[in-house]
N, C-alpha and C. Protein backbone atom coordinates (compact mmCIF):
# COMPACT_ATOMS: atom_id res chain seq x y z
N MET A 1 -1.62 -7.27 34.00
CA MET A 1 -1.34 -7.90 32.73
C MET A 1 -0.27 -7.08 32.00
N THR A 2 0.69 -7.76 31.41
CA THR A 2 1.76 -7.07 30.71
C THR A 2 1.41 -6.90 29.23
N THR A 3 1.93 -5.83 28.66
CA THR A 3 1.74 -5.57 27.24
C THR A 3 2.72 -6.43 26.45
N PRO A 4 2.24 -7.14 25.41
CA PRO A 4 3.18 -7.96 24.63
C PRO A 4 4.22 -7.09 23.93
N LYS A 5 5.39 -7.67 23.73
CA LYS A 5 6.46 -6.94 23.05
C LYS A 5 6.16 -6.76 21.57
N GLN A 6 5.37 -7.64 21.00
CA GLN A 6 4.94 -7.53 19.61
C GLN A 6 3.68 -8.38 19.43
N VAL A 7 2.95 -8.06 18.38
CA VAL A 7 1.73 -8.78 18.04
C VAL A 7 1.78 -9.04 16.54
N HIS A 8 1.41 -10.24 16.12
CA HIS A 8 1.36 -10.58 14.70
C HIS A 8 -0.09 -10.65 14.27
N GLU A 9 -0.41 -9.93 13.19
CA GLU A 9 -1.77 -9.86 12.71
C GLU A 9 -1.79 -9.87 11.19
N THR A 10 -2.95 -10.22 10.63
CA THR A 10 -3.14 -10.25 9.18
C THR A 10 -4.43 -9.53 8.83
N ILE A 11 -4.37 -8.75 7.76
CA ILE A 11 -5.58 -8.13 7.22
C ILE A 11 -5.69 -8.47 5.74
N VAL A 12 -6.92 -8.57 5.26
CA VAL A 12 -7.20 -8.79 3.84
C VAL A 12 -8.28 -7.81 3.44
N ILE A 13 -8.03 -7.08 2.36
CA ILE A 13 -9.02 -6.14 1.81
C ILE A 13 -9.18 -6.47 0.33
N GLU A 14 -10.42 -6.61 -0.09
CA GLU A 14 -10.68 -6.91 -1.50
C GLU A 14 -11.55 -5.82 -2.10
N ARG A 15 -11.22 -5.44 -3.32
CA ARG A 15 -12.00 -4.45 -4.05
C ARG A 15 -12.21 -4.93 -5.47
N VAL A 16 -13.39 -4.68 -6.00
CA VAL A 16 -13.64 -4.89 -7.41
C VAL A 16 -13.75 -3.51 -8.04
N LEU A 17 -12.85 -3.24 -8.98
CA LEU A 17 -12.77 -1.94 -9.63
C LEU A 17 -13.30 -2.07 -11.05
N PRO A 18 -13.98 -1.04 -11.55
CA PRO A 18 -14.54 -1.12 -12.90
C PRO A 18 -13.48 -0.99 -14.00
N ASN A 19 -12.27 -0.63 -13.64
CA ASN A 19 -11.20 -0.39 -14.61
C ASN A 19 -10.51 -1.69 -15.00
N CYS A 20 -9.99 -1.74 -16.23
CA CYS A 20 -9.26 -2.92 -16.68
C CYS A 20 -7.96 -3.07 -15.87
N ARG A 21 -7.44 -4.29 -15.90
CA ARG A 21 -6.24 -4.59 -15.11
C ARG A 21 -5.05 -3.71 -15.51
N ASP A 22 -4.86 -3.43 -16.80
CA ASP A 22 -3.74 -2.57 -17.23
C ASP A 22 -3.84 -1.19 -16.59
N HIS A 23 -5.04 -0.66 -16.52
CA HIS A 23 -5.24 0.68 -15.95
C HIS A 23 -4.94 0.67 -14.44
N VAL A 24 -5.45 -0.33 -13.74
CA VAL A 24 -5.21 -0.43 -12.29
C VAL A 24 -3.73 -0.63 -12.03
N TRP A 25 -3.10 -1.51 -12.79
CA TRP A 25 -1.66 -1.78 -12.62
C TRP A 25 -0.85 -0.49 -12.78
N SER A 26 -1.19 0.32 -13.78
CA SER A 26 -0.40 1.53 -14.04
C SER A 26 -0.46 2.49 -12.85
N ALA A 27 -1.54 2.46 -12.08
CA ALA A 27 -1.65 3.34 -10.92
C ALA A 27 -0.73 2.90 -9.78
N TRP A 28 -0.25 1.68 -9.81
CA TRP A 28 0.74 1.20 -8.84
C TRP A 28 2.16 1.35 -9.37
N ALA A 29 2.33 1.31 -10.69
CA ALA A 29 3.66 1.23 -11.29
C ALA A 29 4.28 2.57 -11.64
N LEU A 30 3.49 3.60 -11.84
CA LEU A 30 3.99 4.90 -12.28
C LEU A 30 3.94 5.92 -11.13
N MET A 31 5.06 6.55 -10.86
CA MET A 31 5.16 7.45 -9.70
C MET A 31 4.12 8.56 -9.73
N GLU A 32 3.93 9.23 -10.87
CA GLU A 32 2.98 10.35 -10.89
C GLU A 32 1.56 9.87 -10.59
N LYS A 33 1.22 8.66 -11.01
CA LYS A 33 -0.10 8.12 -10.71
C LYS A 33 -0.19 7.69 -9.24
N LYS A 34 0.83 6.99 -8.77
CA LYS A 34 0.78 6.50 -7.39
C LYS A 34 0.75 7.65 -6.39
N LYS A 35 1.50 8.71 -6.66
CA LYS A 35 1.47 9.89 -5.79
C LYS A 35 0.07 10.49 -5.71
N ALA A 36 -0.68 10.41 -6.81
CA ALA A 36 -2.02 11.00 -6.86
C ALA A 36 -2.98 10.33 -5.88
N TRP A 37 -2.77 9.04 -5.58
CA TRP A 37 -3.68 8.37 -4.64
C TRP A 37 -3.01 7.96 -3.33
N LEU A 38 -1.70 7.76 -3.34
CA LEU A 38 -1.00 7.36 -2.11
C LEU A 38 -0.56 8.57 -1.30
N GLY A 39 -0.20 9.65 -1.99
CA GLY A 39 0.18 10.85 -1.26
C GLY A 39 1.35 11.57 -1.89
N GLN A 40 1.30 12.88 -1.82
CA GLN A 40 2.33 13.72 -2.42
C GLN A 40 3.65 13.65 -1.67
N GLY A 41 3.65 13.03 -0.48
CA GLY A 41 4.89 12.88 0.28
C GLY A 41 5.80 11.78 -0.25
N MET A 42 5.38 11.11 -1.33
CA MET A 42 6.22 10.07 -1.93
C MET A 42 7.39 10.73 -2.64
N THR A 43 8.59 10.34 -2.25
CA THR A 43 9.79 10.91 -2.86
C THR A 43 10.57 9.90 -3.69
N LYS A 44 10.19 8.62 -3.59
CA LYS A 44 10.91 7.60 -4.35
C LYS A 44 9.94 6.48 -4.70
N LEU A 45 10.02 6.02 -5.95
CA LEU A 45 9.32 4.81 -6.38
C LEU A 45 10.21 4.10 -7.39
N GLU A 46 10.85 3.03 -6.93
CA GLU A 46 11.67 2.18 -7.78
C GLU A 46 10.88 0.88 -7.95
N PHE A 47 10.03 0.85 -8.96
CA PHE A 47 9.08 -0.24 -9.12
C PHE A 47 9.70 -1.40 -9.90
N TRP A 48 10.57 -2.14 -9.20
CA TRP A 48 11.19 -3.35 -9.72
C TRP A 48 11.63 -4.18 -8.53
N PRO A 49 11.83 -5.50 -8.71
CA PRO A 49 12.31 -6.32 -7.60
C PRO A 49 13.63 -5.77 -7.04
N GLY A 50 13.67 -5.55 -5.74
CA GLY A 50 14.82 -4.94 -5.08
C GLY A 50 14.71 -3.43 -4.98
N GLY A 51 13.73 -2.84 -5.68
CA GLY A 51 13.53 -1.40 -5.66
C GLY A 51 12.91 -0.94 -4.35
N ALA A 52 12.97 0.36 -4.12
CA ALA A 52 12.49 0.95 -2.87
C ALA A 52 11.43 2.02 -3.13
N GLU A 53 10.68 2.29 -2.09
CA GLU A 53 9.69 3.37 -2.12
C GLU A 53 9.83 4.11 -0.78
N HIS A 54 9.67 5.42 -0.83
CA HIS A 54 9.77 6.22 0.39
C HIS A 54 8.62 7.24 0.40
N LEU A 55 7.97 7.33 1.54
CA LEU A 55 6.84 8.24 1.70
C LEU A 55 6.89 8.84 3.10
N THR A 56 6.69 10.15 3.18
CA THR A 56 6.60 10.84 4.47
C THR A 56 5.32 11.66 4.48
N HIS A 57 4.63 11.63 5.61
CA HIS A 57 3.39 12.38 5.77
C HIS A 57 3.40 13.01 7.16
N VAL A 58 3.04 14.28 7.25
CA VAL A 58 2.98 14.97 8.53
C VAL A 58 1.52 15.17 8.92
N SER A 59 1.19 14.80 10.16
CA SER A 59 -0.16 15.00 10.70
C SER A 59 -0.04 15.64 12.08
N ASP A 60 -1.17 15.81 12.75
CA ASP A 60 -1.12 16.38 14.10
C ASP A 60 -0.42 15.45 15.09
N MET A 61 -0.25 14.18 14.73
CA MET A 61 0.48 13.23 15.59
C MET A 61 1.99 13.35 15.44
N GLY A 62 2.43 13.85 14.27
CA GLY A 62 3.86 13.96 14.01
C GLY A 62 4.19 13.54 12.60
N THR A 63 5.43 13.08 12.39
CA THR A 63 5.91 12.69 11.07
C THR A 63 5.82 11.17 10.92
N HIS A 64 5.05 10.76 9.92
CA HIS A 64 4.89 9.34 9.60
C HIS A 64 5.82 9.01 8.43
N THR A 65 6.59 7.95 8.55
CA THR A 65 7.52 7.56 7.50
C THR A 65 7.27 6.11 7.10
N ASN A 66 7.19 5.89 5.79
CA ASN A 66 6.99 4.56 5.22
C ASN A 66 8.20 4.25 4.37
N GLU A 67 8.88 3.15 4.68
CA GLU A 67 10.02 2.66 3.89
C GLU A 67 9.64 1.30 3.33
N THR A 68 9.66 1.18 2.00
CA THR A 68 9.20 -0.03 1.32
C THR A 68 10.32 -0.64 0.48
N ARG A 69 10.32 -1.98 0.40
CA ARG A 69 11.22 -2.70 -0.51
C ARG A 69 10.36 -3.70 -1.29
N TYR A 70 10.50 -3.68 -2.62
CA TYR A 70 9.77 -4.61 -3.49
C TYR A 70 10.56 -5.91 -3.65
N PHE A 71 9.88 -7.03 -3.50
CA PHE A 71 10.52 -8.34 -3.61
C PHE A 71 10.12 -9.09 -4.88
N GLU A 72 8.85 -9.01 -5.25
CA GLU A 72 8.42 -9.65 -6.50
C GLU A 72 7.43 -8.74 -7.19
N ILE A 73 7.60 -8.63 -8.49
CA ILE A 73 6.63 -7.93 -9.31
C ILE A 73 6.35 -8.84 -10.51
N ALA A 74 5.19 -9.48 -10.49
CA ALA A 74 4.75 -10.33 -11.60
C ALA A 74 3.80 -9.45 -12.42
N ASP A 75 4.25 -9.03 -13.57
CA ASP A 75 3.59 -8.01 -14.37
C ASP A 75 2.07 -8.20 -14.46
N ARG A 76 1.35 -7.23 -13.94
CA ARG A 76 -0.12 -7.15 -13.98
C ARG A 76 -0.81 -8.29 -13.25
N GLU A 77 -0.04 -9.02 -12.41
CA GLU A 77 -0.62 -10.13 -11.64
C GLU A 77 -0.44 -9.98 -10.13
N ARG A 78 0.79 -9.64 -9.71
CA ARG A 78 1.07 -9.65 -8.27
C ARG A 78 2.24 -8.73 -7.94
N ILE A 79 2.12 -8.09 -6.78
CA ILE A 79 3.21 -7.29 -6.21
C ILE A 79 3.42 -7.80 -4.79
N VAL A 80 4.67 -8.09 -4.44
CA VAL A 80 5.01 -8.49 -3.06
C VAL A 80 6.03 -7.48 -2.55
N PHE A 81 5.71 -6.87 -1.41
CA PHE A 81 6.62 -5.89 -0.83
C PHE A 81 6.59 -5.95 0.68
N ALA A 82 7.63 -5.45 1.29
CA ALA A 82 7.70 -5.33 2.75
C ALA A 82 7.88 -3.85 3.07
N TYR A 83 7.28 -3.43 4.17
CA TYR A 83 7.44 -2.03 4.54
C TYR A 83 7.38 -1.84 6.04
N SER A 84 8.00 -0.75 6.48
CA SER A 84 7.93 -0.36 7.89
C SER A 84 7.21 0.98 7.98
N MET A 85 6.51 1.15 9.09
CA MET A 85 5.85 2.42 9.40
C MET A 85 6.48 2.96 10.68
N ALA A 86 6.84 4.24 10.64
CA ALA A 86 7.43 4.88 11.82
C ALA A 86 6.67 6.17 12.11
N LEU A 87 6.60 6.51 13.37
CA LEU A 87 6.04 7.79 13.80
C LEU A 87 7.13 8.51 14.57
N ASN A 88 7.49 9.67 14.09
CA ASN A 88 8.56 10.47 14.70
C ASN A 88 9.84 9.66 14.89
N GLY A 89 10.15 8.81 13.90
CA GLY A 89 11.38 8.04 13.91
C GLY A 89 11.32 6.70 14.60
N ARG A 90 10.22 6.38 15.30
CA ARG A 90 10.11 5.09 16.00
C ARG A 90 9.25 4.14 15.18
N ILE A 91 9.86 3.03 14.72
CA ILE A 91 9.13 2.04 13.95
C ILE A 91 8.10 1.36 14.85
N HIS A 92 6.85 1.31 14.40
CA HIS A 92 5.80 0.66 15.18
C HIS A 92 5.12 -0.50 14.46
N SER A 93 5.48 -0.71 13.19
CA SER A 93 5.02 -1.92 12.50
C SER A 93 5.91 -2.21 11.31
N VAL A 94 6.04 -3.52 11.05
CA VAL A 94 6.79 -4.01 9.90
C VAL A 94 5.90 -5.04 9.24
N SER A 95 5.72 -4.93 7.92
CA SER A 95 4.73 -5.76 7.24
C SER A 95 5.25 -6.38 5.96
N LEU A 96 4.65 -7.53 5.61
CA LEU A 96 4.80 -8.15 4.32
C LEU A 96 3.44 -8.04 3.65
N ALA A 97 3.39 -7.46 2.45
CA ALA A 97 2.12 -7.25 1.76
C ALA A 97 2.15 -7.88 0.37
N THR A 98 1.00 -8.39 -0.03
CA THR A 98 0.83 -8.96 -1.36
C THR A 98 -0.41 -8.33 -1.98
N VAL A 99 -0.27 -7.82 -3.20
CA VAL A 99 -1.40 -7.26 -3.93
C VAL A 99 -1.58 -8.14 -5.17
N VAL A 100 -2.78 -8.72 -5.31
CA VAL A 100 -3.08 -9.60 -6.43
C VAL A 100 -4.12 -8.92 -7.32
N PHE A 101 -3.88 -8.96 -8.63
CA PHE A 101 -4.75 -8.35 -9.63
C PHE A 101 -5.33 -9.47 -10.49
N ALA A 102 -6.65 -9.48 -10.66
CA ALA A 102 -7.30 -10.50 -11.50
C ALA A 102 -8.44 -9.86 -12.28
N ASP A 103 -8.65 -10.34 -13.50
CA ASP A 103 -9.77 -9.87 -14.30
C ASP A 103 -11.07 -10.26 -13.60
N HIS A 104 -12.06 -9.35 -13.69
CA HIS A 104 -13.35 -9.63 -13.05
C HIS A 104 -14.45 -8.86 -13.78
N GLY A 105 -15.21 -9.55 -14.61
CA GLY A 105 -16.35 -8.94 -15.28
C GLY A 105 -16.05 -7.66 -16.02
N GLY A 106 -14.95 -7.60 -16.73
CA GLY A 106 -14.57 -6.40 -17.45
C GLY A 106 -13.77 -5.41 -16.62
N GLY A 107 -13.69 -5.65 -15.32
CA GLY A 107 -12.91 -4.81 -14.42
C GLY A 107 -11.77 -5.61 -13.80
N THR A 108 -11.40 -5.22 -12.60
CA THR A 108 -10.28 -5.85 -11.90
C THR A 108 -10.65 -6.14 -10.46
N ARG A 109 -10.38 -7.37 -10.04
CA ARG A 109 -10.47 -7.72 -8.61
C ARG A 109 -9.07 -7.52 -8.03
N LEU A 110 -8.97 -6.65 -7.03
CA LEU A 110 -7.71 -6.37 -6.35
C LEU A 110 -7.82 -6.93 -4.93
N THR A 111 -6.88 -7.79 -4.57
CA THR A 111 -6.86 -8.36 -3.23
C THR A 111 -5.56 -7.94 -2.55
N TYR A 112 -5.69 -7.22 -1.44
CA TYR A 112 -4.55 -6.73 -0.66
C TYR A 112 -4.48 -7.55 0.63
N THR A 113 -3.36 -8.25 0.83
CA THR A 113 -3.15 -9.04 2.05
C THR A 113 -1.89 -8.53 2.73
N GLU A 114 -2.01 -8.25 4.02
CA GLU A 114 -0.86 -7.76 4.78
C GLU A 114 -0.70 -8.57 6.05
N GLN A 115 0.52 -9.08 6.26
CA GLN A 115 0.89 -9.78 7.49
C GLN A 115 1.85 -8.85 8.22
N MET A 116 1.51 -8.52 9.45
CA MET A 116 2.29 -7.48 10.13
C MET A 116 2.79 -7.92 11.50
N CYS A 117 3.91 -7.35 11.86
CA CYS A 117 4.43 -7.42 13.22
C CYS A 117 4.23 -6.02 13.80
N VAL A 118 3.36 -5.94 14.78
CA VAL A 118 3.03 -4.66 15.41
C VAL A 118 3.87 -4.53 16.68
N ILE A 119 4.54 -3.41 16.82
CA ILE A 119 5.42 -3.15 17.96
C ILE A 119 4.78 -2.04 18.79
N PRO A 120 4.14 -2.40 19.91
CA PRO A 120 3.44 -1.38 20.72
C PRO A 120 4.38 -0.29 21.23
N PRO A 121 3.85 0.91 21.42
CA PRO A 121 2.47 1.32 21.14
C PRO A 121 2.28 1.56 19.64
N SER A 122 1.13 1.15 19.14
CA SER A 122 0.81 1.26 17.72
C SER A 122 -0.69 1.18 17.54
N ASP A 123 -1.18 1.68 16.40
CA ASP A 123 -2.60 1.54 16.09
C ASP A 123 -2.91 0.15 15.53
N GLY A 124 -1.90 -0.66 15.31
CA GLY A 124 -2.05 -2.06 14.96
C GLY A 124 -2.83 -2.33 13.70
N ALA A 125 -3.42 -3.53 13.65
CA ALA A 125 -4.15 -3.97 12.46
C ALA A 125 -5.34 -3.07 12.17
N GLU A 126 -6.00 -2.58 13.20
CA GLU A 126 -7.14 -1.68 12.98
C GLU A 126 -6.71 -0.42 12.25
N GLY A 127 -5.61 0.16 12.67
CA GLY A 127 -5.09 1.36 12.02
C GLY A 127 -4.65 1.10 10.60
N ARG A 128 -4.00 -0.06 10.39
CA ARG A 128 -3.52 -0.39 9.05
C ARG A 128 -4.71 -0.67 8.12
N LYS A 129 -5.71 -1.38 8.63
CA LYS A 129 -6.89 -1.67 7.80
C LYS A 129 -7.63 -0.37 7.46
N HIS A 130 -7.76 0.52 8.43
CA HIS A 130 -8.39 1.82 8.19
C HIS A 130 -7.61 2.59 7.13
N GLY A 131 -6.29 2.62 7.27
CA GLY A 131 -5.45 3.35 6.32
C GLY A 131 -5.52 2.79 4.92
N TRP A 132 -5.40 1.46 4.77
CA TRP A 132 -5.45 0.86 3.44
C TRP A 132 -6.84 0.93 2.83
N THR A 133 -7.87 0.88 3.64
CA THR A 133 -9.23 1.05 3.11
C THR A 133 -9.37 2.44 2.50
N ALA A 134 -8.86 3.45 3.20
CA ALA A 134 -8.91 4.82 2.69
C ALA A 134 -8.04 4.97 1.44
N LEU A 135 -6.86 4.34 1.43
CA LEU A 135 -5.98 4.44 0.27
C LEU A 135 -6.59 3.75 -0.95
N LEU A 136 -7.22 2.60 -0.76
CA LEU A 136 -7.84 1.92 -1.90
C LEU A 136 -9.06 2.68 -2.41
N LYS A 137 -9.74 3.40 -1.53
CA LYS A 137 -10.82 4.29 -1.97
C LYS A 137 -10.22 5.45 -2.78
N ALA A 138 -9.09 5.98 -2.32
CA ALA A 138 -8.41 7.04 -3.07
C ALA A 138 -7.94 6.52 -4.43
N LEU A 139 -7.48 5.27 -4.49
CA LEU A 139 -7.11 4.66 -5.77
C LEU A 139 -8.32 4.59 -6.69
N GLU A 140 -9.44 4.12 -6.16
CA GLU A 140 -10.66 4.02 -6.96
C GLU A 140 -11.09 5.39 -7.48
N ASP A 141 -11.05 6.40 -6.62
CA ASP A 141 -11.41 7.77 -7.03
C ASP A 141 -10.46 8.29 -8.10
N PHE A 142 -9.17 8.03 -7.93
CA PHE A 142 -8.18 8.46 -8.92
C PHE A 142 -8.45 7.80 -10.28
N LEU A 143 -8.68 6.49 -10.27
CA LEU A 143 -8.91 5.76 -11.52
C LEU A 143 -10.15 6.25 -12.24
N ALA A 144 -11.14 6.74 -11.49
CA ALA A 144 -12.37 7.25 -12.11
C ALA A 144 -12.11 8.48 -12.96
N THR A 145 -11.03 9.21 -12.68
CA THR A 145 -10.75 10.44 -13.42
C THR A 145 -9.50 10.34 -14.29
N ASP A 146 -8.69 9.31 -14.11
CA ASP A 146 -7.44 9.17 -14.86
C ASP A 146 -7.71 8.68 -16.28
N THR A 147 -7.11 9.33 -17.24
CA THR A 147 -7.28 8.91 -18.63
C THR A 147 -5.98 8.43 -19.27
N MET A 148 -4.86 8.56 -18.55
CA MET A 148 -3.56 8.13 -19.09
C MET A 148 -3.35 6.65 -18.80
N MET A 149 -3.30 5.82 -19.82
CA MET A 149 -3.22 4.37 -19.64
C MET A 149 -1.82 3.80 -19.75
N SER A 150 -0.80 4.60 -20.03
CA SER A 150 0.54 4.06 -20.26
C SER A 150 1.10 3.43 -18.99
N THR A 151 1.97 2.41 -19.19
CA THR A 151 2.63 1.75 -18.06
C THR A 151 4.11 1.72 -18.23
């Protein structure tokens, strides 16, 4: 059996956070807040349509690079972005992601949907779901201690 040249997959992760939508939104929109939960390897956050984000992380596997471009930012409602993931310079996935924010019982319902093209070898949708689950947990932990509400 031959390995496919690419695989298309979709993941959806939903979280209900106790924080108001303004507070959750600010953790995506402000670099100092986003670095606190996404990672200190973030060197760029241009949070506007057409803006870019850059993140590098080193692990025992090598250097992971994330290059992001924002396409739509509907204030406190939706973020649409595309990003590539590379390991040691080789891109192994390219994704379109949508993050939707909605009021929910005094808190915020956050829905993260990612449609990806996985280029083997890669950890694929399982790796991406594992990574975003951990990142959204880090977001939740950050919001539990963050007191700065400005956006």
